[in-house]
Every structure is written in structure tokens, then in C-alpha cells.
N, C-alpha and C. Protein backbone atom coordinates (compact mmCIF):
# COMPACT_ATOMS: atom_id res chain seq x y z
N MET A 1 27.75 -20.91 -63.25
CA MET A 1 27.72 -20.37 -61.89
C MET A 1 26.36 -19.73 -61.63
N ILE A 2 25.95 -19.82 -60.40
CA ILE A 2 24.68 -19.23 -59.98
C ILE A 2 24.99 -17.89 -59.31
N LEU A 3 24.25 -16.87 -59.70
CA LEU A 3 24.41 -15.54 -59.09
C LEU A 3 23.19 -15.23 -58.24
N VAL A 4 23.43 -14.74 -57.06
CA VAL A 4 22.33 -14.32 -56.20
C VAL A 4 21.88 -12.94 -56.67
N GLN A 5 20.64 -12.83 -57.08
CA GLN A 5 20.09 -11.58 -57.57
C GLN A 5 19.64 -10.70 -56.39
N LEU A 6 18.91 -11.30 -55.46
CA LEU A 6 18.40 -10.58 -54.29
C LEU A 6 18.45 -11.53 -53.10
N MET A 7 18.91 -11.01 -51.98
CA MET A 7 18.95 -11.83 -50.77
C MET A 7 18.73 -10.90 -49.58
N LYS A 8 17.51 -10.90 -49.11
CA LYS A 8 17.15 -10.04 -47.98
C LYS A 8 16.34 -10.89 -47.00
N PRO A 9 16.87 -11.11 -45.80
CA PRO A 9 16.13 -11.94 -44.85
C PRO A 9 14.82 -11.28 -44.43
N PHE A 10 13.81 -12.11 -44.25
CA PHE A 10 12.53 -11.63 -43.72
C PHE A 10 12.76 -11.06 -42.33
N TYR A 11 13.58 -11.77 -41.55
CA TYR A 11 14.07 -11.24 -40.28
C TYR A 11 15.37 -11.93 -39.89
N THR A 12 16.14 -11.24 -39.06
CA THR A 12 17.40 -11.78 -38.54
C THR A 12 17.29 -11.78 -37.03
N LYS A 13 17.67 -12.90 -36.41
CA LYS A 13 17.53 -13.03 -34.96
C LYS A 13 18.82 -13.60 -34.37
N TYR A 14 19.25 -12.99 -33.27
CA TYR A 14 20.43 -13.49 -32.56
C TYR A 14 19.94 -14.40 -31.45
N GLU A 15 20.37 -15.66 -31.48
CA GLU A 15 19.98 -16.64 -30.46
C GLU A 15 21.23 -17.23 -29.85
N GLY A 16 21.60 -16.73 -28.69
CA GLY A 16 22.79 -17.24 -28.02
C GLY A 16 24.04 -17.00 -28.85
N ASN A 17 24.65 -18.08 -29.30
CA ASN A 17 25.90 -18.00 -30.05
C ASN A 17 25.67 -18.11 -31.56
N SER A 18 24.42 -17.97 -32.01
CA SER A 18 24.16 -18.09 -33.44
C SER A 18 23.27 -16.96 -33.97
N ILE A 19 23.38 -16.76 -35.25
CA ILE A 19 22.60 -15.74 -35.95
C ILE A 19 21.70 -16.48 -36.93
N LYS A 20 20.40 -16.29 -36.78
CA LYS A 20 19.44 -16.99 -37.64
C LYS A 20 18.82 -15.98 -38.61
N MET A 21 18.93 -16.30 -39.91
CA MET A 21 18.31 -15.48 -40.95
C MET A 21 17.20 -16.30 -41.59
N VAL A 22 15.98 -15.78 -41.53
CA VAL A 22 14.83 -16.49 -42.09
C VAL A 22 14.39 -15.77 -43.36
N PHE A 23 14.15 -16.56 -44.41
CA PHE A 23 13.79 -16.01 -45.72
C PHE A 23 12.35 -16.37 -46.07
N ALA A 24 11.71 -15.50 -46.84
CA ALA A 24 10.33 -15.69 -47.28
C ALA A 24 10.24 -15.42 -48.77
N TYR A 25 9.05 -15.57 -49.32
CA TYR A 25 8.81 -15.29 -50.73
C TYR A 25 9.34 -13.92 -51.10
N GLN A 26 9.83 -13.78 -52.31
CA GLN A 26 10.24 -12.52 -52.92
C GLN A 26 11.41 -11.83 -52.22
N TYR A 27 12.04 -12.47 -51.25
CA TYR A 27 13.17 -11.87 -50.57
C TYR A 27 14.49 -12.55 -50.94
N PHE A 28 14.41 -13.54 -51.82
CA PHE A 28 15.60 -14.29 -52.17
C PHE A 28 15.40 -14.80 -53.60
N SER A 29 16.30 -14.45 -54.49
CA SER A 29 16.20 -14.94 -55.86
C SER A 29 17.60 -15.16 -56.42
N ILE A 30 17.69 -16.11 -57.35
CA ILE A 30 18.98 -16.44 -57.98
C ILE A 30 18.83 -16.37 -59.50
N ARG A 31 19.96 -16.19 -60.16
CA ARG A 31 20.00 -16.17 -61.62
C ARG A 31 20.89 -17.32 -62.07
N LYS A 32 20.29 -18.19 -62.89
CA LYS A 32 21.03 -19.33 -63.45
C LYS A 32 20.79 -19.34 -64.95
N ASP A 33 21.88 -19.29 -65.72
CA ASP A 33 21.79 -19.26 -67.19
C ASP A 33 20.86 -18.16 -67.67
N ASP A 34 21.00 -16.98 -67.13
CA ASP A 34 20.19 -15.80 -67.49
C ASP A 34 18.70 -15.97 -67.22
N GLU A 35 18.34 -16.90 -66.35
CA GLU A 35 16.94 -17.06 -65.95
C GLU A 35 16.83 -16.77 -64.45
N LEU A 36 15.78 -16.08 -64.09
CA LEU A 36 15.58 -15.68 -62.69
C LEU A 36 14.66 -16.68 -62.00
N PHE A 37 15.15 -17.26 -60.90
CA PHE A 37 14.38 -18.19 -60.08
C PHE A 37 14.14 -17.55 -58.72
N HIS A 38 12.92 -17.66 -58.23
CA HIS A 38 12.54 -17.07 -56.94
C HIS A 38 12.45 -18.16 -55.86
N PHE A 39 12.90 -17.79 -54.69
CA PHE A 39 12.87 -18.70 -53.55
C PHE A 39 11.44 -18.98 -53.14
N ILE A 40 11.16 -20.24 -52.81
CA ILE A 40 9.88 -20.62 -52.20
C ILE A 40 10.19 -21.45 -50.95
N PRO A 41 9.59 -21.10 -49.83
CA PRO A 41 9.90 -21.80 -48.56
C PRO A 41 9.18 -23.14 -48.43
N VAL A 42 9.49 -24.06 -49.34
CA VAL A 42 8.87 -25.38 -49.31
C VAL A 42 9.60 -26.29 -48.33
N GLU A 43 10.92 -26.26 -48.38
CA GLU A 43 11.72 -27.11 -47.50
C GLU A 43 12.45 -26.22 -46.50
N GLY A 44 13.68 -25.82 -46.81
CA GLY A 44 14.44 -24.96 -45.90
C GLY A 44 14.10 -23.50 -46.11
N LYS A 45 14.22 -22.73 -45.04
CA LYS A 45 13.95 -21.29 -45.16
C LYS A 45 14.86 -20.45 -44.28
N GLU A 46 15.86 -21.07 -43.65
CA GLU A 46 16.73 -20.29 -42.77
C GLU A 46 18.20 -20.67 -42.94
N ILE A 47 19.03 -19.67 -42.67
CA ILE A 47 20.47 -19.87 -42.64
C ILE A 47 20.92 -19.53 -41.23
N ILE A 48 21.63 -20.45 -40.62
CA ILE A 48 22.11 -20.25 -39.25
C ILE A 48 23.63 -20.14 -39.28
N LEU A 49 24.13 -19.02 -38.74
CA LEU A 49 25.57 -18.77 -38.69
C LEU A 49 26.04 -18.80 -37.25
N ASN A 50 27.26 -19.28 -37.04
CA ASN A 50 27.90 -19.18 -35.74
C ASN A 50 28.32 -17.72 -35.57
N ALA A 51 27.93 -17.08 -34.49
CA ALA A 51 28.17 -15.65 -34.29
C ALA A 51 29.65 -15.32 -34.16
N GLN A 52 30.44 -16.25 -33.67
CA GLN A 52 31.87 -15.98 -33.48
C GLN A 52 32.69 -16.26 -34.73
N THR A 53 32.44 -17.41 -35.36
CA THR A 53 33.25 -17.80 -36.51
C THR A 53 32.62 -17.39 -37.84
N LEU A 54 31.34 -17.04 -37.82
CA LEU A 54 30.57 -16.69 -39.02
C LEU A 54 30.49 -17.84 -40.02
N GLN A 55 30.61 -19.05 -39.54
CA GLN A 55 30.48 -20.24 -40.38
C GLN A 55 29.02 -20.67 -40.40
N VAL A 56 28.56 -21.16 -41.56
CA VAL A 56 27.20 -21.64 -41.70
C VAL A 56 27.07 -22.96 -40.96
N GLU A 57 26.06 -23.09 -40.12
CA GLU A 57 25.90 -24.29 -39.30
C GLU A 57 24.92 -25.29 -39.87
N ASN A 58 23.96 -24.86 -40.65
CA ASN A 58 22.94 -25.78 -41.18
C ASN A 58 23.16 -26.03 -42.67
N LEU A 59 24.29 -26.63 -42.99
CA LEU A 59 24.69 -26.85 -44.39
C LEU A 59 23.76 -27.80 -45.14
N SER A 60 23.03 -28.64 -44.45
CA SER A 60 22.17 -29.61 -45.13
C SER A 60 20.78 -29.04 -45.45
N GLU A 61 20.49 -27.83 -45.00
CA GLU A 61 19.20 -27.18 -45.30
C GLU A 61 19.03 -27.06 -46.81
N VAL A 62 17.86 -27.44 -47.33
CA VAL A 62 17.62 -27.43 -48.77
C VAL A 62 16.75 -26.22 -49.14
N PHE A 63 17.25 -25.40 -50.05
CA PHE A 63 16.51 -24.24 -50.54
C PHE A 63 15.94 -24.58 -51.91
N VAL A 64 14.70 -24.17 -52.12
CA VAL A 64 14.02 -24.45 -53.39
C VAL A 64 13.72 -23.12 -54.08
N PHE A 65 14.04 -23.07 -55.37
CA PHE A 65 13.80 -21.89 -56.19
C PHE A 65 12.91 -22.31 -57.36
N GLN A 66 12.04 -21.39 -57.77
CA GLN A 66 11.05 -21.72 -58.79
C GLN A 66 11.01 -20.66 -59.89
N LYS A 67 10.83 -21.15 -61.11
CA LYS A 67 10.50 -20.29 -62.25
C LYS A 67 9.44 -21.03 -63.05
N GLY A 68 8.23 -20.53 -63.00
CA GLY A 68 7.12 -21.22 -63.68
C GLY A 68 6.90 -22.59 -63.07
N ASN A 69 6.99 -23.63 -63.91
CA ASN A 69 6.80 -25.00 -63.40
C ASN A 69 8.13 -25.72 -63.20
N ARG A 70 9.24 -24.98 -63.25
CA ARG A 70 10.56 -25.58 -63.03
C ARG A 70 11.09 -25.21 -61.65
N PHE A 71 11.77 -26.16 -61.04
CA PHE A 71 12.28 -25.97 -59.69
C PHE A 71 13.77 -26.30 -59.64
N ILE A 72 14.48 -25.61 -58.78
CA ILE A 72 15.87 -25.93 -58.49
C ILE A 72 15.95 -26.18 -56.98
N ARG A 73 16.41 -27.38 -56.63
CA ARG A 73 16.61 -27.73 -55.22
C ARG A 73 18.10 -27.71 -54.93
N LEU A 74 18.52 -26.84 -54.01
CA LEU A 74 19.94 -26.73 -53.70
C LEU A 74 20.16 -26.84 -52.20
N PRO A 75 20.92 -27.85 -51.77
CA PRO A 75 21.33 -27.85 -50.37
C PRO A 75 22.21 -26.63 -50.12
N LEU A 76 22.18 -26.11 -48.94
CA LEU A 76 22.90 -24.88 -48.61
C LEU A 76 24.40 -25.02 -48.88
N TYR A 77 24.98 -26.20 -48.58
CA TYR A 77 26.42 -26.38 -48.82
C TYR A 77 26.73 -26.22 -50.31
N GLN A 78 25.84 -26.71 -51.18
CA GLN A 78 26.06 -26.59 -52.62
C GLN A 78 25.87 -25.14 -53.08
N LEU A 79 24.88 -24.47 -52.53
CA LEU A 79 24.65 -23.06 -52.86
C LEU A 79 25.87 -22.22 -52.48
N LEU A 80 26.49 -22.56 -51.37
CA LEU A 80 27.69 -21.86 -50.94
C LEU A 80 28.86 -22.10 -51.90
N LEU A 81 28.91 -23.29 -52.49
CA LEU A 81 30.00 -23.64 -53.40
C LEU A 81 29.85 -23.03 -54.80
N VAL A 82 28.63 -22.97 -55.31
CA VAL A 82 28.44 -22.61 -56.71
C VAL A 82 27.86 -21.21 -56.92
N SER A 83 27.80 -20.41 -55.88
CA SER A 83 27.22 -19.06 -56.05
C SER A 83 28.06 -18.02 -55.31
N ASP A 84 27.62 -16.79 -55.43
CA ASP A 84 28.27 -15.67 -54.75
C ASP A 84 27.52 -15.29 -53.47
N ILE A 85 26.92 -16.24 -52.83
CA ILE A 85 26.10 -16.00 -51.65
C ILE A 85 26.92 -15.42 -50.48
N HIS A 86 28.21 -15.72 -50.42
CA HIS A 86 29.07 -15.20 -49.34
C HIS A 86 29.04 -13.68 -49.30
N THR A 87 29.10 -13.07 -50.47
CA THR A 87 29.09 -11.61 -50.56
C THR A 87 27.80 -11.05 -49.96
N HIS A 88 26.69 -11.68 -50.27
CA HIS A 88 25.39 -11.21 -49.78
C HIS A 88 25.25 -11.44 -48.28
N LEU A 89 25.75 -12.56 -47.79
CA LEU A 89 25.72 -12.82 -46.34
C LEU A 89 26.53 -11.77 -45.59
N GLN A 90 27.68 -11.43 -46.13
CA GLN A 90 28.53 -10.42 -45.49
C GLN A 90 27.81 -9.07 -45.43
N THR A 91 27.15 -8.68 -46.51
CA THR A 91 26.41 -7.42 -46.54
C THR A 91 25.29 -7.42 -45.50
N ILE A 92 24.57 -8.53 -45.39
CA ILE A 92 23.48 -8.63 -44.41
C ILE A 92 24.02 -8.48 -42.99
N LEU A 93 25.14 -9.15 -42.71
CA LEU A 93 25.73 -9.07 -41.36
C LEU A 93 26.23 -7.66 -41.06
N GLU A 94 26.81 -6.98 -42.04
CA GLU A 94 27.28 -5.61 -41.83
C GLU A 94 26.10 -4.68 -41.52
N GLU A 95 24.99 -4.84 -42.24
CA GLU A 95 23.80 -4.03 -41.99
C GLU A 95 23.24 -4.32 -40.60
N ALA A 96 23.23 -5.58 -40.19
CA ALA A 96 22.73 -5.95 -38.86
C ALA A 96 23.61 -5.33 -37.78
N ASN A 97 24.92 -5.31 -37.99
CA ASN A 97 25.83 -4.70 -37.02
C ASN A 97 25.62 -3.20 -36.93
N GLN A 98 25.33 -2.54 -38.06
CA GLN A 98 25.06 -1.11 -38.04
C GLN A 98 23.80 -0.81 -37.25
N ILE A 99 22.79 -1.64 -37.39
CA ILE A 99 21.54 -1.45 -36.63
C ILE A 99 21.81 -1.62 -35.15
N ASP A 100 22.60 -2.65 -34.76
CA ASP A 100 22.94 -2.84 -33.34
C ASP A 100 23.68 -1.63 -32.80
N THR A 101 24.59 -1.06 -33.58
CA THR A 101 25.35 0.11 -33.15
C THR A 101 24.42 1.30 -32.97
N GLN A 102 23.47 1.48 -33.88
CA GLN A 102 22.52 2.58 -33.77
C GLN A 102 21.64 2.41 -32.55
N GLU A 103 21.20 1.19 -32.26
CA GLU A 103 20.38 0.96 -31.06
C GLU A 103 21.17 1.27 -29.80
N GLY A 104 22.45 0.97 -29.80
CA GLY A 104 23.30 1.30 -28.65
C GLY A 104 23.37 2.79 -28.44
N SER A 105 23.48 3.55 -29.52
CA SER A 105 23.55 5.00 -29.39
C SER A 105 22.20 5.57 -28.94
N ILE A 106 21.11 4.93 -29.29
CA ILE A 106 19.79 5.38 -28.84
C ILE A 106 19.68 5.22 -27.33
N GLU A 107 20.21 4.12 -26.78
CA GLU A 107 20.17 3.92 -25.34
C GLU A 107 20.93 5.03 -24.62
N GLY A 108 22.06 5.43 -25.13
CA GLY A 108 22.82 6.53 -24.55
C GLY A 108 22.07 7.84 -24.67
N THR A 109 21.33 8.01 -25.73
CA THR A 109 20.55 9.22 -25.96
C THR A 109 19.47 9.36 -24.90
N GLU A 110 18.85 8.27 -24.51
CA GLU A 110 17.80 8.32 -23.48
C GLU A 110 18.35 8.88 -22.17
N GLU A 111 19.57 8.50 -21.82
CA GLU A 111 20.18 9.02 -20.58
C GLU A 111 20.43 10.52 -20.68
N VAL A 112 20.88 10.98 -21.84
CA VAL A 112 21.12 12.41 -22.04
C VAL A 112 19.81 13.18 -21.96
N ILE A 113 18.76 12.65 -22.57
CA ILE A 113 17.45 13.31 -22.53
C ILE A 113 16.96 13.42 -21.09
N LYS A 114 17.11 12.36 -20.31
CA LYS A 114 16.67 12.38 -18.91
C LYS A 114 17.44 13.45 -18.13
N LEU A 115 18.74 13.55 -18.34
CA LEU A 115 19.55 14.56 -17.67
C LEU A 115 19.10 15.96 -18.05
N LEU A 116 18.83 16.19 -19.34
CA LEU A 116 18.38 17.50 -19.79
C LEU A 116 17.01 17.85 -19.21
N GLU A 117 16.13 16.87 -19.11
CA GLU A 117 14.82 17.12 -18.51
C GLU A 117 14.96 17.51 -17.03
N GLU A 118 15.86 16.84 -16.31
CA GLU A 118 16.09 17.19 -14.90
C GLU A 118 16.63 18.61 -14.76
N GLN A 119 17.57 18.97 -15.62
CA GLN A 119 18.13 20.32 -15.58
C GLN A 119 17.07 21.37 -15.91
N ASN A 120 16.21 21.05 -16.87
CA ASN A 120 15.14 21.97 -17.24
C ASN A 120 14.16 22.15 -16.08
N LEU A 121 13.85 21.10 -15.38
CA LEU A 121 12.95 21.18 -14.22
C LEU A 121 13.56 22.06 -13.13
N GLU A 122 14.86 21.91 -12.90
CA GLU A 122 15.53 22.78 -11.91
C GLU A 122 15.43 24.25 -12.31
N ARG A 123 15.63 24.55 -13.58
CA ARG A 123 15.52 25.94 -14.05
C ARG A 123 14.09 26.46 -13.88
N MET A 124 13.12 25.58 -14.11
CA MET A 124 11.72 26.01 -13.95
C MET A 124 11.42 26.31 -12.48
N PHE A 125 11.98 25.51 -11.55
CA PHE A 125 11.83 25.79 -10.12
C PHE A 125 12.45 27.16 -9.81
N ASP A 126 13.65 27.40 -10.31
CA ASP A 126 14.31 28.69 -10.09
C ASP A 126 13.46 29.84 -10.62
N PHE A 127 12.89 29.65 -11.81
CA PHE A 127 12.06 30.68 -12.40
C PHE A 127 10.83 30.95 -11.53
N ALA A 128 10.18 29.87 -11.05
CA ALA A 128 8.98 30.03 -10.21
C ALA A 128 9.33 30.77 -8.93
N LEU A 129 10.49 30.47 -8.33
CA LEU A 129 10.90 31.15 -7.11
C LEU A 129 11.24 32.62 -7.38
N THR A 130 11.93 32.88 -8.48
CA THR A 130 12.29 34.26 -8.84
C THR A 130 11.05 35.10 -9.09
N MET A 131 10.05 34.53 -9.76
CA MET A 131 8.83 35.26 -10.09
C MET A 131 7.82 35.21 -8.94
N ARG A 132 8.16 34.49 -7.88
CA ARG A 132 7.28 34.31 -6.72
C ARG A 132 5.91 33.77 -7.16
N ASP A 133 5.97 32.80 -8.09
CA ASP A 133 4.77 32.16 -8.63
C ASP A 133 4.51 30.87 -7.85
N GLU A 134 3.70 30.98 -6.82
CA GLU A 134 3.44 29.86 -5.92
C GLU A 134 2.68 28.74 -6.63
N GLU A 135 1.76 29.11 -7.52
CA GLU A 135 0.98 28.11 -8.23
C GLU A 135 1.88 27.25 -9.14
N LEU A 136 2.77 27.88 -9.91
CA LEU A 136 3.71 27.15 -10.76
C LEU A 136 4.63 26.29 -9.91
N PHE A 137 5.11 26.84 -8.78
CA PHE A 137 6.00 26.09 -7.90
C PHE A 137 5.31 24.82 -7.40
N ASN A 138 4.03 24.91 -7.01
CA ASN A 138 3.29 23.74 -6.52
C ASN A 138 3.07 22.71 -7.62
N LYS A 139 2.78 23.18 -8.84
CA LYS A 139 2.61 22.25 -9.98
C LYS A 139 3.92 21.50 -10.26
N LEU A 140 5.02 22.22 -10.21
CA LEU A 140 6.32 21.59 -10.46
C LEU A 140 6.65 20.55 -9.39
N GLN A 141 6.29 20.85 -8.14
CA GLN A 141 6.52 19.88 -7.07
C GLN A 141 5.71 18.61 -7.31
N GLN A 142 4.44 18.78 -7.70
CA GLN A 142 3.60 17.61 -7.97
C GLN A 142 4.16 16.79 -9.12
N TYR A 143 4.62 17.48 -10.17
CA TYR A 143 5.21 16.81 -11.33
C TYR A 143 6.48 16.05 -10.92
N ASN A 144 7.28 16.68 -10.07
CA ASN A 144 8.54 16.09 -9.64
C ASN A 144 8.31 14.85 -8.77
N GLU A 145 7.24 14.83 -8.02
CA GLU A 145 6.93 13.67 -7.17
C GLU A 145 6.50 12.46 -7.99
N ASN A 146 5.91 12.71 -9.14
CA ASN A 146 5.44 11.60 -10.00
C ASN A 146 6.61 11.10 -10.78
């Protein structure tokens, strides 16, 4: 059996109904018979998943791994059959979903920050009026217009 030692996409991209994971040197390695082989992007370099079913769509893609002057050529369908790559794909997808969730919370944070800035500006206007500071009041008006 082949064990995936390291599997980290160079980048992951969502394109319509599919998820594309592109791999580069040193981001993908396998262990076969206690020997470590490193991925080289000679032929195939990406795994495409259906976003809804999470099924691999490019099963005929050929991945090449190298150790010294020896090479292992594995079509993706065969790699899926003889290795633990499913576990690594699942981990990658879970991490990608966590990043999407964090980005969603950042968008909500921007709205909260804008609301707080508006409230702070109103308090500054109140302060300028209370202190009868005409210069500060005029600066705040100019800032508010921009």
C-alpha cells in the first residue's frame, strides 16, 4: 500500500461547481515500501473535485513521483485505490471550509466597524458642541462629507 506522507495544495480554487487543487514541488509526497517519493509536476498537477458530490472528476490525470533516478507514474484513479489519499483530501477540504467561514465573519466585522465609526463621529460632534469648539466642529463636518 502507498501512504501519502504530505499533501498540501499549492493553491485551491473554486470554479463554478468544482474545486481545483493544484500541486507543486515539495507539497506532495508518498511513501512506498519505506521509501519516500516526491511529486514532480511533469504530467498531471491538479485534482478536480465536484463541489456537491466531492467526487474526483479528473481520474485519468497522471501524477509522477521521484526518488533519485526512479519514478512512479500513477493515474489518479489508481492513486485513489491504493493509497490513503481520501483522508488527506478530506482534511484539505475541511481547512478550506474553515477559511471560507473565517472570511465570512470578516465581512460581518467590517459592517460592525463602520457602525462603530459612525457612532464615534456622532459622539465627537456632541463633544464639539458641548465644548463650543467651532474649529473641531468644522473639521468633523469636512471629514463627514468625505
